[in-house]
């Protein structure tokens, strides 16, 4: 399953004052749309969000990392 790094700029309320913030998280989903949905759910669970501009949300697919066993089969450690 692909992993996505999602950046969401938003405006939050702290003690009655509005502040511009940026939220970043890594999620595992089948596609970018689901990644955005999960990231927004996580954002709402952590902050009191006033506004989100969906045009400014950035989603980047992260490369797949091999398991340690696959890595060890392809590479060798160098002794100090």
Protein backbone atom coordinates (compact mmCIF):
# COMPACT_ATOMS: atom_id res chain seq x y z
CA UNK A 1 0.00 0.00 0.00
CA UNK A 2 1.48 3.39 -0.95
CA UNK A 3 2.46 5.96 1.66
CA UNK A 4 1.72 9.65 1.21
CA UNK A 5 3.15 12.73 2.91
CA UNK A 6 0.32 15.26 3.25
CA UNK A 7 0.82 18.98 4.01
CA UNK A 8 -2.24 21.03 4.99
CA UNK A 9 -1.99 24.78 5.62
CA UNK A 10 -4.92 25.93 7.79
CA UNK A 11 -6.18 28.64 10.11
CA UNK A 12 -6.79 27.67 13.74
CA UNK A 13 -8.17 29.42 16.78
CA UNK A 14 -6.05 29.74 19.93
CA UNK A 15 -7.69 31.54 22.86
CA UNK A 16 -9.88 33.51 20.46
CA UNK A 17 -6.99 34.53 18.17
CA UNK A 18 -6.65 33.23 14.60
CA UNK A 19 -3.27 31.72 13.67
CA UNK A 20 -1.98 30.35 10.37
CA UNK A 21 -0.49 26.87 10.82
CA UNK A 22 0.74 23.97 8.69
CA UNK A 23 -0.05 20.33 9.47
CA UNK A 24 2.02 17.47 8.09
CA UNK A 25 1.45 13.73 8.39
CA UNK A 26 2.30 10.46 6.66
CA UNK A 27 -0.59 8.12 5.84
CA UNK A 28 -0.91 4.72 4.14
CA UNK A 29 -3.83 4.58 1.71
CA UNK A 30 -4.72 3.31 -1.74
CA UNK A 31 -4.84 6.75 -3.40
CA UNK A 32 -4.23 10.48 -2.91
CA UNK A 33 -7.88 11.35 -2.26
CA UNK A 34 -8.08 8.90 0.64
CA UNK A 35 -4.75 10.23 1.94
CA UNK A 36 -6.21 13.75 2.07
CA UNK A 37 -9.36 12.52 3.86
CA UNK A 38 -7.37 10.66 6.52
CA UNK A 39 -5.01 13.60 7.02
CA UNK A 40 -7.94 16.01 7.47
CA UNK A 41 -9.54 13.66 10.02
CA UNK A 42 -6.26 13.53 11.94
CA UNK A 43 -5.94 17.32 11.72
CA UNK A 44 -9.43 17.83 13.16
CA UNK A 45 -8.65 15.45 16.04
CA UNK A 46 -5.63 17.58 17.06
CA UNK A 47 -6.64 21.20 16.31
CA UNK A 48 -9.63 23.52 16.40
CA UNK A 49 -9.63 24.28 12.67
CA UNK A 50 -11.38 27.37 11.36
CA UNK A 51 -10.55 27.21 7.64
CA UNK A 52 -8.73 24.95 5.17
CA UNK A 53 -8.04 25.95 1.57
CA UNK A 54 -8.14 22.66 -0.34
CA UNK A 55 -6.19 24.23 -3.24
CA UNK A 56 -3.14 24.54 -0.97
CA UNK A 57 -3.05 20.91 0.21
CA UNK A 58 0.10 19.15 -1.03
CA UNK A 59 0.32 15.36 -1.37
CA UNK A 60 3.56 13.55 -2.20
CA UNK A 61 3.86 9.81 -2.71
CA UNK A 62 6.76 8.42 -0.70
CA UNK A 63 9.03 5.74 -2.15
CA UNK A 64 8.53 2.14 -1.14
CA UNK A 65 11.13 0.86 1.29
CA UNK A 66 12.18 -2.77 1.20
CA UNK A 67 11.93 -4.90 4.27
CA UNK A 68 15.16 -5.41 6.20
CA UNK A 69 15.49 -8.92 4.79
CA UNK A 70 15.25 -7.60 1.20
CA UNK A 71 17.72 -4.84 1.98
CA UNK A 72 20.16 -7.28 3.58
CA UNK A 73 19.97 -9.57 0.54
CA UNK A 74 20.99 -6.69 -1.77
CA UNK A 75 23.48 -4.80 0.39
CA UNK A 76 26.20 -5.70 2.82
CA UNK A 77 27.26 -3.87 5.93
CA UNK A 78 30.72 -2.35 6.09
CA UNK A 79 32.71 -3.19 9.23
CA UNK A 80 34.34 -0.31 11.07
